[in-house]
Protein backbone atom coordinates (compact mmCIF):
# COMPACT_ATOMS: atom_id res chain seq x y z
CA MET A 1 -28.60 -5.02 -16.35
CA TYR A 2 -25.68 -7.06 -15.68
CA ASN A 3 -26.00 -10.39 -14.83
CA HIS A 4 -23.47 -11.29 -11.84
CA LYS A 5 -21.59 -14.13 -13.51
CA GLY A 6 -19.69 -13.01 -16.48
CA PRO A 7 -16.69 -11.02 -17.10
CA MET A 8 -17.28 -7.06 -16.23
CA ARG A 9 -16.33 -4.02 -17.84
CA ILE A 10 -14.49 -2.34 -14.91
CA ALA A 11 -13.46 1.38 -14.78
CA LEU A 12 -10.56 2.50 -12.52
CA PHE A 13 -10.19 6.16 -11.11
CA THR A 14 -6.48 6.12 -9.52
CA GLU A 15 -4.94 8.77 -7.84
CA THR A 16 -1.66 7.49 -8.39
CA PHE A 17 0.09 4.96 -10.87
CA LEU A 18 3.12 3.87 -12.89
CA PRO A 19 5.86 5.05 -12.90
CA LYS A 20 5.30 6.38 -9.29
CA VAL A 21 6.44 3.30 -6.94
CA ASP A 22 4.05 2.97 -3.68
CA GLY A 23 1.87 0.18 -1.78
CA ILE A 24 -1.29 1.56 -4.28
CA VAL A 25 0.54 1.04 -7.26
CA SER A 26 1.86 -2.50 -6.30
CA ILE A 27 -1.93 -3.36 -5.35
CA LEU A 28 -3.23 -1.93 -8.71
CA CYS A 29 -0.73 -3.62 -10.83
CA LEU A 30 -1.54 -7.19 -9.04
CA MET A 31 -5.67 -6.24 -9.58
CA LEU A 32 -4.75 -5.50 -13.56
CA ARG A 33 -2.74 -8.97 -13.74
CA ARG A 34 -5.71 -10.70 -12.51
CA PHE A 35 -8.54 -9.01 -13.92
CA GLN A 36 -6.51 -9.88 -17.26
CA GLU A 37 -6.55 -13.63 -16.04
CA GLU A 38 -10.24 -13.62 -15.47
CA GLY A 39 -11.18 -11.99 -18.82
CA HIS A 40 -12.50 -8.83 -17.32
CA GLU A 41 -12.20 -5.68 -20.05
CA VAL A 42 -10.50 -2.77 -18.09
CA ILE A 43 -10.00 0.99 -18.57
CA VAL A 44 -7.66 2.78 -16.13
CA PHE A 45 -7.96 6.54 -15.45
CA ALA A 46 -5.03 7.67 -13.84
CA PRO A 47 -2.33 10.90 -13.81
CA LYS A 48 -0.96 11.64 -16.88
CA GLY A 49 2.77 9.93 -17.50
CA ALA A 50 1.37 6.59 -17.05
CA PRO A 51 2.01 3.74 -19.59
CA GLU A 52 -0.87 3.56 -22.17
CA GLU A 53 -1.56 -0.23 -21.52
CA TYR A 54 -0.83 -2.22 -18.80
CA ALA A 55 -1.91 -6.11 -18.36
CA GLY A 56 -4.42 -5.61 -20.99
CA ALA A 57 -5.95 -2.54 -19.50
CA GLN A 58 -6.18 0.55 -21.57
CA VAL A 59 -4.71 3.40 -19.35
CA ILE A 60 -6.08 6.93 -20.18
CA GLY A 61 -3.78 9.94 -18.82
CA THR A 62 -5.57 12.87 -16.76
CA SER A 63 -4.32 16.28 -16.69
CA GLY A 64 -3.07 18.03 -13.33
CA PHE A 65 0.00 19.30 -11.77
CA SER A 66 2.32 18.17 -8.97
CA ALA A 67 1.58 18.47 -5.07
CA PRO A 68 3.96 21.39 -3.94
CA PHE A 69 4.61 19.76 -0.80
CA TYR A 70 5.18 16.45 -2.32
CA PRO A 71 6.48 16.43 -6.04
CA GLU A 72 5.76 12.83 -6.93
CA LEU A 73 2.33 13.37 -6.19
CA LYS A 74 0.25 14.29 -9.02
CA LEU A 75 -3.22 16.36 -8.43
CA SER A 76 -5.64 15.10 -11.28
CA VAL A 77 -8.51 16.43 -12.74
CA ALA A 78 -11.09 15.09 -15.22
CA GLY A 79 -12.82 16.61 -18.05
CA PRO A 80 -15.14 16.36 -20.87
CA ARG A 81 -12.79 13.99 -22.53
CA ILE A 82 -12.36 11.59 -19.65
CA TRP A 83 -16.39 12.09 -19.22
CA HIS A 84 -16.79 10.74 -23.09
CA ARG A 85 -14.25 8.19 -22.70
CA LEU A 86 -16.04 6.40 -19.82
CA GLN A 87 -19.51 6.91 -21.44
CA ARG A 88 -18.28 5.00 -24.69
CA PHE A 89 -17.02 2.22 -21.86
CA ARG A 90 -20.43 1.81 -20.43
CA PRO A 91 -18.90 0.40 -17.13
CA ASP A 92 -20.53 -2.20 -15.31
CA ILE A 93 -18.44 -0.92 -11.99
CA VAL A 94 -16.89 2.02 -11.52
CA HIS A 95 -13.81 1.46 -8.70
CA VAL A 96 -12.35 4.68 -7.24
CA LEU A 97 -8.88 4.04 -5.66
CA ASN A 98 -8.41 6.20 -2.49
CA PRO A 99 -10.35 9.04 -3.87
CA PHE A 100 -9.63 12.46 -3.04
CA VAL A 101 -8.67 14.89 -5.91
CA LEU A 102 -9.25 12.56 -9.02
CA GLY A 103 -11.84 9.89 -7.42
CA PRO A 104 -14.70 12.74 -6.98
CA PHE A 105 -14.71 13.17 -10.66
CA GLY A 106 -15.15 8.73 -10.80
CA LEU A 107 -17.77 9.38 -8.33
CA TRP A 108 -19.76 12.16 -10.13
CA PHE A 109 -19.22 10.19 -13.30
CA ALA A 110 -20.52 6.83 -12.19
CA ARG A 111 -23.58 8.99 -10.50
CA ARG A 112 -24.19 10.53 -13.90
CA LEU A 113 -24.26 6.90 -15.39
CA ARG A 114 -26.15 5.36 -12.84
CA ALA A 115 -23.39 3.10 -12.28
CA PRO A 116 -22.35 1.08 -9.41
CA VAL A 117 -19.66 2.56 -7.30
CA VAL A 118 -16.88 0.81 -5.35
CA ALA A 119 -14.18 3.13 -3.19
CA SER A 120 -11.38 1.83 -1.50
CA PHE A 121 -8.95 3.78 1.26
CA HIS A 122 -5.49 2.99 0.95
CA THR A 123 -3.75 6.27 2.68
CA ASP A 124 -4.80 7.58 6.13
CA VAL A 125 -4.40 11.34 4.69
CA ALA A 126 -5.80 12.89 7.80
CA ARG A 127 -2.85 11.60 10.01
CA TYR A 128 -0.28 12.26 7.29
CA ALA A 129 -1.85 16.01 7.81
CA HIS A 130 -0.10 16.01 11.30
CA HIS A 131 3.23 15.28 9.82
CA TYR A 132 2.93 18.13 7.72
CA GLY A 133 2.19 20.97 10.09
CA LEU A 134 -1.54 21.01 8.95
CA GLY A 135 -2.90 18.86 11.84
CA MET A 136 -5.68 21.22 12.33
CA PHE A 137 -7.06 20.50 8.73
CA SER A 138 -7.69 16.88 10.05
CA PRO A 139 -11.18 16.80 11.20
CA VAL A 140 -12.00 18.77 7.79
CA VAL A 141 -10.00 16.24 5.84
CA TRP A 142 -12.21 13.25 7.95
CA ASN A 143 -15.33 15.16 6.93
CA TYR A 144 -14.25 15.58 2.93
CA MET A 145 -13.18 11.74 2.98
CA ARG A 146 -16.54 10.46 4.64
CA PHE A 147 -18.58 12.41 2.41
CA LEU A 148 -16.94 10.84 -0.74
CA HIS A 149 -16.72 7.30 0.43
CA ASN A 150 -20.09 7.26 1.80
CA GLN A 151 -21.29 7.91 -1.91
CA ALA A 152 -20.07 4.43 -2.94
CA ASP A 153 -22.03 1.38 -2.80
CA VAL A 154 -19.30 -0.82 -1.08
CA ASN A 155 -16.24 0.84 0.67
CA LEU A 156 -13.16 -1.10 1.13
CA CYS A 157 -9.80 -1.07 3.56
CA PRO A 158 -6.87 -3.14 3.80
CA SER A 159 -7.04 -3.94 7.72
CA THR A 160 -8.95 -4.46 10.70
CA ALA A 161 -7.42 -1.54 12.60
CA VAL A 162 -8.52 0.64 9.60
CA ARG A 163 -12.08 -0.81 9.11
CA SER A 164 -12.64 0.07 12.90
CA ASP A 165 -11.16 3.37 12.45
CA LEU A 166 -13.40 4.14 9.50
CA ILE A 167 -16.44 2.94 11.29
CA GLN A 168 -15.80 5.11 14.20
CA HIS A 169 -15.73 8.48 11.77
CA GLY A 170 -18.96 7.37 10.16
CA PHE A 171 -18.00 5.47 6.96
CA ARG A 172 -20.70 3.31 6.00
CA ARG A 173 -21.00 -0.14 4.20
CA VAL A 174 -17.01 -0.81 5.23
CA ARG A 175 -15.62 -4.21 4.56
CA TRP A 176 -12.39 -5.30 4.71
CA TRP A 177 -10.59 -6.28 1.56
CA HIS A 178 -7.64 -8.53 2.54
CA ARG A 179 -4.19 -7.83 1.18
CA GLY A 180 -1.75 -10.59 -0.49
CA ILE A 181 1.50 -10.57 -2.58
CA ASP A 182 3.15 -12.32 -5.43
CA THR A 183 5.17 -15.14 -3.79
CA GLU A 184 6.02 -16.38 -7.20
CA LEU A 185 8.26 -13.15 -7.05
CA PHE A 186 8.75 -12.76 -3.60
CA ASN A 187 10.67 -15.78 -2.32
CA PRO A 188 13.61 -16.95 -0.48
CA GLY A 189 16.80 -17.44 -2.24
CA PRO A 190 20.61 -17.31 -2.27
CA ARG A 191 21.95 -13.95 -1.30
CA ASP A 192 23.73 -11.79 -3.98
CA PRO A 193 27.08 -11.21 -2.76
CA ALA A 194 27.86 -8.33 -5.06
CA LEU A 195 24.47 -6.55 -3.90
CA ARG A 196 24.81 -7.59 -0.12
CA ALA A 197 28.31 -5.71 -0.09
CA ARG A 198 26.42 -2.83 -1.80
CA LEU A 199 23.86 -2.49 0.86
CA THR A 200 26.73 -2.85 3.69
CA ASP A 201 28.78 -0.49 2.28
CA GLY A 202 31.58 -3.34 1.80
CA ASN A 203 31.02 -4.71 4.97
CA PRO A 204 28.90 -8.12 4.33
CA ASP A 205 29.49 -9.33 7.65
CA ASP A 206 27.56 -6.75 9.72
CA PHE A 207 24.04 -7.11 10.49
CA LEU A 208 21.94 -5.56 7.52
CA ILE A 209 18.81 -3.69 8.36
CA LEU A 210 16.44 -2.90 5.45
CA ASN A 211 13.70 -0.62 5.04
CA VAL A 212 11.75 -0.03 1.62
CA GLY A 213 9.36 2.28 0.91
CA ARG A 214 8.27 6.20 0.46
CA GLN A 215 10.92 8.32 2.29
CA ALA A 216 8.10 11.04 3.60
CA PRO A 217 7.47 12.83 7.12
CA GLU A 218 4.78 10.21 7.89
CA LYS A 219 7.06 7.43 7.85
CA ASN A 220 8.98 7.76 11.03
CA LEU A 221 12.30 7.11 9.66
CA GLU A 222 14.36 9.80 11.47
CA GLN A 223 14.16 8.05 14.29
CA LEU A 224 16.04 5.09 13.26
CA ARG A 225 19.32 6.86 13.51
CA ASP A 226 19.50 7.39 17.70
CA ALA A 227 17.58 3.78 18.07
CA LEU A 228 20.13 2.22 15.81
CA PHE A 229 23.55 3.67 16.14
CA PRO A 230 26.09 3.84 17.53
CA ARG A 231 26.03 -0.16 17.53
CA PRO A 232 28.84 -1.84 16.59
CA GLY A 233 28.45 -4.25 13.68
CA VAL A 234 25.03 -2.89 12.89
CA ARG A 235 24.31 -1.04 9.32
CA LEU A 236 21.05 0.31 7.63
CA ALA A 237 19.91 0.42 3.98
CA MET A 238 17.00 2.74 3.37
CA ILE A 239 15.61 1.98 -0.40
CA GLY A 240 13.10 4.09 -2.07
CA GLY A 241 12.62 7.87 -2.30
CA GLY A 242 10.37 10.37 -1.69
CA PRO A 243 9.97 14.10 -0.23
CA THR A 244 12.36 13.44 2.80
CA HIS A 245 15.25 11.67 0.68
CA GLU A 246 17.73 14.49 0.60
CA SER A 247 17.01 15.60 4.47
CA LEU A 248 17.67 11.74 5.39
CA LYS A 249 20.81 11.40 3.84
CA GLU A 250 22.04 14.13 5.89
CA HIS A 251 20.38 13.31 8.71
CA PHE A 252 22.11 9.69 8.64
CA ALA A 253 25.26 11.45 7.75
CA GLY A 254 28.39 9.84 9.56
CA THR A 255 26.50 6.77 9.95
CA PRO A 256 26.66 3.19 8.41
CA THR A 257 23.19 3.82 6.18
CA VAL A 258 23.04 3.25 2.21
CA PHE A 259 20.58 5.15 0.02
CA PRO A 260 20.39 3.20 -2.93
CA GLY A 261 17.16 4.62 -4.28
CA TYR A 262 14.24 2.78 -5.81
CA LEU A 263 14.83 -0.86 -6.76
CA LYS A 264 12.28 -2.82 -8.53
CA GLY A 265 11.35 -6.64 -9.64
CA GLU A 266 14.47 -9.13 -9.11
CA GLU A 267 16.34 -6.32 -7.89
CA LEU A 268 14.28 -5.81 -4.97
CA VAL A 269 13.94 -9.47 -3.95
CA ASN A 270 17.46 -9.77 -3.79
CA ALA A 271 17.49 -6.69 -1.67
CA TYR A 272 15.39 -8.40 0.81
CA ARG A 273 17.44 -11.71 0.62
CA ALA A 274 20.60 -10.14 1.25
CA ALA A 275 18.95 -8.22 4.62
CA ASP A 276 19.21 -9.84 8.07
CA ALA A 277 16.16 -7.88 9.32
CA PHE A 278 13.41 -5.28 7.94
CA ILE A 279 12.58 -2.45 9.99
CA PHE A 280 9.22 -0.69 9.55
CA PRO A 281 8.86 2.36 12.24
CA SER A 282 5.81 3.98 10.17
CA THR A 283 2.53 4.42 12.54
CA THR A 284 0.30 5.63 9.95
CA GLU A 285 0.21 2.71 7.51
CA THR A 286 -2.94 1.11 6.38
CA PHE A 287 -1.67 -1.93 5.76
CA GLY A 288 2.29 -2.12 5.27
CA LEU A 289 2.63 -4.10 1.80
CA VAL A 290 6.50 -4.18 2.17
CA ALA A 291 6.79 -5.89 5.51
CA LEU A 292 4.47 -8.90 3.53
CA GLU A 293 7.30 -8.94 0.85
CA ALA A 294 9.95 -9.22 3.51
CA MET A 295 8.46 -11.89 5.09
CA ALA A 296 8.01 -13.53 2.00
CA CYS A 297 11.54 -13.92 1.49
CA GLY A 298 12.26 -15.18 4.74
CA VAL A 299 13.18 -11.98 6.66
CA PRO A 300 12.11 -11.10 10.13
CA VAL A 301 10.23 -7.75 10.76
CA ILE A 302 10.51 -5.23 13.35
CA ALA A 303 7.65 -3.44 13.29
CA ALA A 304 5.97 -0.21 15.30
CA ARG A 305 2.88 -1.58 17.06
CA SER A 306 0.32 0.56 14.98
CA GLY A 307 -1.90 0.39 12.21
CA GLY A 308 -2.51 -2.07 9.74
CA ILE A 309 0.54 -4.06 10.57
CA LEU A 310 -1.26 -5.60 12.99
CA ASP A 311 -2.98 -7.94 10.95
CA THR A 312 0.55 -8.96 9.91
CA VAL A 313 2.94 -9.49 12.39
CA VAL A 314 2.54 -11.27 15.55
CA HIS A 315 5.21 -10.52 18.45
CA GLY A 316 7.25 -13.05 19.02
CA VAL A 317 5.71 -15.50 16.44
CA ASN A 318 6.48 -14.31 12.99
CA GLY A 319 8.63 -10.75 13.80
CA LEU A 320 9.09 -8.34 16.94
CA MET A 321 7.12 -5.05 17.71
CA PHE A 322 8.16 -2.10 19.70
CA ASP A 323 6.31 0.52 21.34
CA PRO A 324 6.38 3.61 18.61
CA SER A 325 6.53 5.95 21.54
CA ARG A 326 9.99 4.31 22.73
CA PRO A 327 11.96 3.57 19.62
CA GLN A 328 14.99 2.84 21.85
CA GLU A 329 13.08 -0.52 21.91
CA ILE A 330 14.23 -0.82 18.11
CA GLY A 331 18.00 -1.33 19.45
CA GLN A 332 16.85 -4.07 21.88
CA GLN A 333 14.91 -6.04 19.19
CA VAL A 334 17.92 -5.74 16.80
CA GLU A 335 19.95 -7.43 19.60
CA SER A 336 17.66 -10.21 20.27
CA LEU A 337 17.59 -11.41 16.37
CA ARG A 338 21.62 -10.74 16.62
CA ASN A 339 22.05 -13.16 19.48
CA ASN A 340 19.81 -15.66 19.73
CA PRO A 341 19.71 -17.82 16.32
CA GLN A 342 17.22 -19.99 17.56
CA MET A 343 14.51 -17.47 18.07
CA TYR A 344 15.67 -16.05 14.62
CA GLU A 345 14.99 -18.81 12.65
CA GLU A 346 11.95 -19.49 13.81
CA LEU A 347 10.29 -16.05 13.32
CA ALA A 348 11.81 -16.09 9.80
CA THR A 349 10.18 -19.27 9.42
CA ASN A 350 6.83 -18.50 11.03
CA ALA A 351 7.05 -15.32 8.60
CA LEU A 352 7.56 -17.14 5.47
CA ASN A 353 4.72 -19.44 6.43
CA HIS A 354 2.34 -16.52 7.07
CA ALA A 355 3.29 -14.93 3.93
CA ARG A 356 2.70 -17.90 1.81
CA ASN A 357 -0.88 -17.83 2.63
CA ARG A 358 -1.77 -14.70 1.42
CA SER A 359 -2.16 -15.40 -2.26
CA TRP A 360 -2.39 -11.92 -4.13
CA ARG A 361 -5.20 -14.22 -6.56
CA ALA A 362 -7.24 -14.52 -3.37
CA THR A 363 -7.33 -11.10 -2.49
CA MET A 364 -8.30 -9.96 -6.03
CA ASP A 365 -10.91 -13.04 -6.35
CA GLN A 366 -12.34 -11.40 -3.26
CA LEU A 367 -12.24 -7.74 -4.61
CA ILE A 368 -14.23 -9.41 -7.78
CA SER A 369 -16.60 -10.60 -5.41
CA TYR A 370 -17.20 -7.13 -3.70
CA TYR A 371 -17.50 -5.75 -7.19
CA ARG A 372 -20.45 -8.34 -7.52
CA THR A 373 -22.02 -7.44 -4.07
CA ALA A 374 -21.93 -3.88 -5.22
CA ILE A 375 -23.93 -4.29 -8.28
CA ARG A 376 -26.36 -6.07 -6.47
CA VAL A 377 -26.56 -3.27 -3.76
CA HIS A 378 -27.02 -0.68 -6.41
CA GLN A 379 -29.66 -2.53 -8.44
CA ARG A 380 -31.70 -2.92 -5.30
CA ALA A 381 -31.29 0.56 -4.56
CA HIS A 382 -32.84 1.70 -7.75
CA THR A 383 -35.56 -0.66 -7.97
CA GLY A 384 -36.57 0.83 -4.31
CA GLN A 385 -36.09 -2.43 -2.43
CA VAL A 386 -34.85 -2.17 1.30
CA VAL A 387 -31.23 -3.23 1.91
CA THR A 388 -30.31 -3.68 5.62
CA ASN A 389 -27.33 -5.73 5.57
CA PRO A 390 -26.04 -5.64 2.06
CA VAL A 391 -22.46 -6.89 2.34
């Protein structure tokens, strides 16, 4: 029986991993880095195509196929090979990230091993369904997700808004797992003139608005065109890719918008630094990690007043918010930033201070604490003890 104190053997089942780029992958990479620092032994089960090792963790590819509506998304399953590998590993804890297709195998295998389970909620699939013309299936998705998550000893979510939502939908043992970023990477610095020129299409003196992330129907990116243009001296750079990448390029044709594709590492940091403002129009985000990255680089954020971003942006303090039913307010907020240098500097300073207080190591240590809680809950449940408020 695990003694709650020493290094753990941690098995992770994730629906997405490198080389895909999204918020879940960013968090997972930080997890693995912290686990390595703390001496935990880790194995990751992820869709085939991922690197065989990351931050000391062995990565085992699972077979599957691409989602027909979203080719970047791999729908993976786990057969006997994965089961035998997990048996040999003998995990102290199994963590399923965003269980949907691969995650249920992790839950089933953990139950067969009588291993404690943590499940983390990252993507609001039920709300996404509306953006893909599948809104009628939203109740079914909620029922399915609730069934999966309620098998876990502890359920984690990234924001207070999501926590309230999950509890309303009948999810049990739900706790808030905070989010942080690597402020050693994301921090203010000098602008790269060449990148500034690239992102402004050779007009570096214009006001540059940046968006970073997956380009998909649920991100509400199309509404930026009419909210921002025609507005003299304003330019938009949309970094990333996804199922609507090509249609967005057509939608924004004839506007001062560039689509540089995915940027990573220092190049992404330099893109944040090159921007005058960051725009975050999505209303379906469970957190919004990219907004925190922008703030850490000293860039004010304009965000939709909805979802997980409410834990990050405080209107008029460290950013600006707009009513998502009135996207025309985006243009008004841009003008406020352009025309009020004092307000701009105050927002940028407060944004930076907020981000600096969101240590990624502290959030991962909180995760480890939740792992130990899940182990205690599991052990008590299997010794017949009644646990009324375990977490």
